[in-house]
Structures are given as structure tokens and as C-alpha cells.
N, C-alpha and C. Protein backbone atom coordinates (compact mmCIF):
# COMPACT_ATOMS: atom_id res chain seq x y z
N MET A 1 65.89 57.11 177.97
CA MET A 1 66.61 58.13 177.24
C MET A 1 65.80 58.54 176.02
N GLN A 2 65.81 59.83 175.73
CA GLN A 2 65.03 60.40 174.64
C GLN A 2 65.75 60.23 173.30
N LYS A 3 64.99 59.95 172.24
CA LYS A 3 65.57 59.81 170.91
C LYS A 3 65.90 61.19 170.35
N ILE A 4 67.09 61.33 169.78
CA ILE A 4 67.53 62.60 169.21
C ILE A 4 67.44 62.50 167.69
N ASN A 5 66.77 63.49 167.07
CA ASN A 5 66.49 63.40 165.65
C ASN A 5 67.31 64.32 164.76
N SER A 6 67.91 65.37 165.29
CA SER A 6 68.63 66.30 164.43
C SER A 6 69.89 66.81 165.12
N ILE A 7 70.76 67.37 164.32
CA ILE A 7 72.01 67.91 164.86
C ILE A 7 71.71 69.06 165.83
N GLN A 8 70.66 69.83 165.56
CA GLN A 8 70.30 70.91 166.48
C GLN A 8 69.89 70.36 167.84
N GLU A 9 69.18 69.26 167.84
CA GLU A 9 68.79 68.63 169.11
C GLU A 9 70.00 68.07 169.84
N ILE A 10 70.94 67.52 169.09
CA ILE A 10 72.17 67.00 169.70
C ILE A 10 72.94 68.15 170.34
N ASN A 11 73.12 69.23 169.59
CA ASN A 11 73.84 70.38 170.12
C ASN A 11 73.14 70.94 171.36
N HIS A 12 71.84 71.07 171.32
CA HIS A 12 71.08 71.59 172.45
C HIS A 12 71.24 70.67 173.66
N SER A 13 71.19 69.38 173.42
CA SER A 13 71.33 68.41 174.51
C SER A 13 72.71 68.50 175.15
N ILE A 14 73.74 68.67 174.33
CA ILE A 14 75.10 68.78 174.87
C ILE A 14 75.26 70.09 175.64
N MET A 15 74.77 71.18 175.08
CA MET A 15 74.95 72.49 175.71
C MET A 15 74.15 72.66 176.99
N PHE A 16 72.96 72.14 177.03
CA PHE A 16 72.09 72.42 178.17
C PHE A 16 71.73 71.20 179.00
N GLY A 17 72.30 70.04 178.66
CA GLY A 17 72.04 68.82 179.41
C GLY A 17 72.82 68.82 180.72
N THR A 18 72.49 67.87 181.54
CA THR A 18 73.19 67.73 182.82
C THR A 18 74.17 66.57 182.72
N TRP A 19 75.22 66.76 181.93
CA TRP A 19 76.21 65.74 181.69
C TRP A 19 77.32 65.81 182.72
N THR A 20 77.87 64.68 183.06
CA THR A 20 79.04 64.65 183.94
C THR A 20 80.29 64.88 183.11
N ASN A 21 81.38 65.18 183.77
CA ASN A 21 82.64 65.37 183.06
C ASN A 21 83.05 64.10 182.33
N ALA A 22 82.85 62.96 182.93
CA ALA A 22 83.19 61.68 182.29
C ALA A 22 82.36 61.45 181.03
N GLU A 23 81.09 61.80 181.08
CA GLU A 23 80.23 61.63 179.91
C GLU A 23 80.65 62.57 178.79
N LEU A 24 80.98 63.82 179.11
CA LEU A 24 81.43 64.77 178.10
C LEU A 24 82.76 64.33 177.50
N THR A 25 83.66 63.81 178.32
CA THR A 25 84.94 63.31 177.82
C THR A 25 84.71 62.14 176.88
N SER A 26 83.78 61.27 177.21
CA SER A 26 83.46 60.13 176.36
C SER A 26 82.91 60.60 175.01
N MET A 27 82.06 61.63 175.02
CA MET A 27 81.52 62.18 173.77
C MET A 27 82.64 62.77 172.92
N MET A 28 83.57 63.49 173.55
CA MET A 28 84.68 64.09 172.82
C MET A 28 85.57 63.02 172.21
N ASP A 29 85.81 61.94 172.95
CA ASP A 29 86.62 60.83 172.43
C ASP A 29 85.95 60.19 171.22
N ALA A 30 84.63 60.04 171.28
CA ALA A 30 83.89 59.45 170.16
C ALA A 30 83.98 60.35 168.93
N ILE A 31 83.90 61.65 169.13
CA ILE A 31 83.99 62.60 168.01
C ILE A 31 85.39 62.56 167.40
N LYS A 32 86.42 62.55 168.25
CA LYS A 32 87.80 62.48 167.75
C LYS A 32 88.04 61.20 166.95
N TRP A 33 87.51 60.08 167.45
CA TRP A 33 87.67 58.81 166.75
C TRP A 33 87.00 58.88 165.38
N ASN A 34 85.78 59.43 165.34
CA ASN A 34 85.05 59.51 164.08
C ASN A 34 85.77 60.42 163.09
N ARG A 35 86.33 61.55 163.56
CA ARG A 35 87.09 62.43 162.68
C ARG A 35 88.31 61.71 162.11
N ALA A 36 88.98 60.93 162.93
CA ALA A 36 90.15 60.18 162.46
C ALA A 36 89.73 59.17 161.38
N GLN A 37 88.59 58.53 161.57
CA GLN A 37 88.10 57.57 160.58
C GLN A 37 87.77 58.28 159.27
N LEU A 38 87.15 59.46 159.35
CA LEU A 38 86.84 60.23 158.14
C LEU A 38 88.12 60.63 157.41
N ALA A 39 89.14 61.03 158.17
CA ALA A 39 90.41 61.42 157.56
C ALA A 39 91.05 60.22 156.86
N GLN A 40 91.03 59.05 157.49
CA GLN A 40 91.59 57.85 156.87
C GLN A 40 90.85 57.49 155.59
N THR A 41 89.54 57.59 155.62
CA THR A 41 88.73 57.29 154.43
C THR A 41 89.08 58.26 153.30
N THR A 42 89.20 59.54 153.63
CA THR A 42 89.55 60.54 152.62
C THR A 42 90.92 60.27 152.05
N LYS A 43 91.90 59.97 152.92
CA LYS A 43 93.26 59.69 152.45
C LYS A 43 93.31 58.49 151.52
N ARG A 44 92.52 57.46 151.83
CA ARG A 44 92.51 56.26 150.96
C ARG A 44 91.93 56.57 149.59
N GLN A 45 91.05 57.57 149.51
CA GLN A 45 90.42 57.90 148.23
C GLN A 45 91.28 58.85 147.38
N LEU A 46 92.27 59.49 148.00
CA LEU A 46 93.10 60.46 147.28
C LEU A 46 94.30 59.80 146.63
N GLN A 47 94.73 60.41 145.53
CA GLN A 47 95.96 60.01 144.87
C GLN A 47 96.72 61.28 144.51
N VAL A 48 98.03 61.16 144.40
CA VAL A 48 98.84 62.30 143.99
C VAL A 48 98.35 62.78 142.63
N GLY A 49 98.14 64.09 142.50
CA GLY A 49 97.65 64.68 141.26
C GLY A 49 96.16 64.98 141.25
N ASP A 50 95.42 64.45 142.23
CA ASP A 50 93.98 64.72 142.31
C ASP A 50 93.73 66.20 142.60
N ALA A 51 92.69 66.74 141.99
CA ALA A 51 92.27 68.12 142.26
C ALA A 51 91.40 68.12 143.51
N VAL A 52 91.75 69.02 144.45
CA VAL A 52 91.02 69.12 145.71
C VAL A 52 90.77 70.58 146.05
N LYS A 53 89.86 70.80 146.99
CA LYS A 53 89.64 72.14 147.51
C LYS A 53 89.46 72.06 149.02
N PHE A 54 89.74 73.17 149.68
CA PHE A 54 89.57 73.26 151.13
C PHE A 54 89.34 74.72 151.51
N THR A 55 88.69 74.92 152.64
CA THR A 55 88.44 76.26 153.15
C THR A 55 89.36 76.49 154.34
N SER A 56 90.10 77.57 154.29
CA SER A 56 91.06 77.90 155.34
C SER A 56 90.34 78.34 156.61
N ASN A 57 90.79 77.82 157.75
CA ASN A 57 90.25 78.26 159.03
C ASN A 57 90.77 79.65 159.40
N ARG A 58 91.87 80.06 158.81
CA ARG A 58 92.48 81.34 159.15
C ARG A 58 91.80 82.53 158.49
N ASP A 59 91.56 82.41 157.17
CA ASP A 59 91.00 83.56 156.46
C ASP A 59 89.64 83.28 155.82
N GLY A 60 89.15 82.05 155.91
CA GLY A 60 87.84 81.72 155.37
C GLY A 60 87.80 81.56 153.86
N ARG A 61 88.93 81.68 153.20
CA ARG A 61 88.98 81.54 151.75
C ARG A 61 88.98 80.07 151.36
N THR A 62 88.42 79.81 150.18
CA THR A 62 88.44 78.46 149.63
C THR A 62 89.58 78.38 148.62
N TYR A 63 90.45 77.40 148.82
CA TYR A 63 91.60 77.18 147.95
C TYR A 63 91.38 75.92 147.14
N THR A 64 91.86 75.93 145.91
CA THR A 64 91.84 74.73 145.08
C THR A 64 93.27 74.43 144.66
N GLY A 65 93.56 73.17 144.51
CA GLY A 65 94.91 72.78 144.11
C GLY A 65 94.97 71.30 143.82
N LYS A 66 96.19 70.81 143.71
CA LYS A 66 96.41 69.40 143.42
C LYS A 66 97.18 68.75 144.56
N VAL A 67 96.84 67.49 144.80
CA VAL A 67 97.53 66.73 145.84
C VAL A 67 98.96 66.49 145.38
N GLU A 68 99.92 66.91 146.20
CA GLU A 68 101.32 66.71 145.88
C GLU A 68 101.90 65.53 146.64
N ARG A 69 101.44 65.34 147.89
CA ARG A 69 101.96 64.24 148.71
C ARG A 69 100.94 63.92 149.79
N ILE A 70 100.76 62.64 150.08
CA ILE A 70 99.87 62.19 151.15
C ILE A 70 100.74 61.73 152.30
N LYS A 71 100.64 62.45 153.42
CA LYS A 71 101.46 62.17 154.59
C LYS A 71 100.64 61.40 155.62
N ILE A 72 101.24 61.18 156.80
CA ILE A 72 100.54 60.44 157.84
C ILE A 72 99.34 61.22 158.37
N LYS A 73 99.54 62.49 158.72
CA LYS A 73 98.45 63.28 159.28
C LYS A 73 97.89 64.32 158.31
N TYR A 74 98.70 64.74 157.37
CA TYR A 74 98.31 65.83 156.48
C TYR A 74 98.48 65.44 155.03
N VAL A 75 97.88 66.25 154.17
CA VAL A 75 98.04 66.10 152.73
C VAL A 75 98.65 67.40 152.23
N LEU A 76 99.73 67.31 151.49
CA LEU A 76 100.37 68.49 150.93
C LEU A 76 99.65 68.85 149.64
N VAL A 77 99.09 70.06 149.62
CA VAL A 77 98.30 70.52 148.47
C VAL A 77 99.02 71.71 147.84
N ASN A 78 99.26 71.62 146.54
CA ASN A 78 99.91 72.70 145.80
C ASN A 78 98.82 73.55 145.15
N THR A 79 98.73 74.81 145.57
CA THR A 79 97.74 75.74 145.03
C THR A 79 98.48 76.83 144.26
N PRO A 80 97.78 77.64 143.49
CA PRO A 80 98.44 78.77 142.81
C PRO A 80 99.07 79.76 143.80
N LEU A 81 98.60 79.77 145.04
CA LEU A 81 99.12 80.71 146.04
C LEU A 81 100.18 80.09 146.95
N GLY A 82 100.52 78.84 146.75
CA GLY A 82 101.55 78.19 147.56
C GLY A 82 101.17 76.77 147.92
N ARG A 83 102.04 76.15 148.72
CA ARG A 83 101.82 74.77 149.15
C ARG A 83 101.31 74.79 150.59
N TYR A 84 100.31 73.95 150.87
CA TYR A 84 99.69 73.91 152.18
C TYR A 84 99.61 72.48 152.69
N ASN A 85 99.93 72.30 153.99
CA ASN A 85 99.68 71.04 154.67
C ASN A 85 98.27 71.12 155.22
N VAL A 86 97.40 70.26 154.73
CA VAL A 86 95.99 70.32 155.08
C VAL A 86 95.56 69.00 155.71
N PRO A 87 94.83 69.05 156.84
CA PRO A 87 94.28 67.80 157.38
C PRO A 87 93.35 67.16 156.34
N ALA A 88 93.43 65.87 156.23
CA ALA A 88 92.66 65.17 155.18
C ALA A 88 91.17 65.40 155.31
N ASN A 89 90.67 65.54 156.55
CA ASN A 89 89.22 65.69 156.71
C ASN A 89 88.72 67.07 156.25
N MET A 90 89.62 67.99 155.92
CA MET A 90 89.22 69.32 155.40
C MET A 90 89.13 69.33 153.88
N LEU A 91 89.58 68.27 153.23
CA LEU A 91 89.65 68.25 151.78
C LEU A 91 88.38 67.71 151.14
N GLU A 92 88.07 68.29 149.98
CA GLU A 92 86.95 67.81 149.14
C GLU A 92 87.48 67.70 147.72
N ALA A 93 86.88 66.84 146.94
CA ALA A 93 87.23 66.74 145.52
C ALA A 93 86.80 68.03 144.84
N ALA A 94 87.66 68.54 143.97
CA ALA A 94 87.33 69.79 143.27
C ALA A 94 86.64 69.53 141.96
């Protein structure tokens, strides 16, 4: 097996490789697991009142606000434009 050195090489290998459905499913499961771990790490670092920012997938705007509540899957963020339930892995410290 060839050593992969960059994200571009990984993407190219996934897109143009000769992977089986089982191998692709395994890769997707590994990515989902890693995202869940990142979300858990982020949630452990957050506290109510912390300033955070996130970029909306809907309109591409970056919002800043304060953590109002940390839930199981989402973090409630109070911004000047309203309150948003945001996945923890989308949040950054402001």
C-alpha cells in the first residue's frame, strides 16, 4: 500500500481509487467516529458564557455569540441575531 502524504492525495485516492463498497463504508464510519470525538472534545472545553463563533452552512455567514447551554448533540449559542442550536464541532473560540 502506498503512503499518503496530504489531504489532496487522500481525496484523490478516495475519488479515483478502486474501493469496494465495504471499504468505503468503513472509511465513512471512521470519519463519523472521528467527528464525534472532536465534538466531545469541544464540548468538554466549553462552558456556559464562553464566546464562540461558527459559520452557517445555510448562508455562509460567520456568527459570534455566547454559549447559553451545552446539550447532548448541540450547543445553544445566543447571538445578536437570535439563538442557534449548533453542532459542537462547528464551534470555535471567539
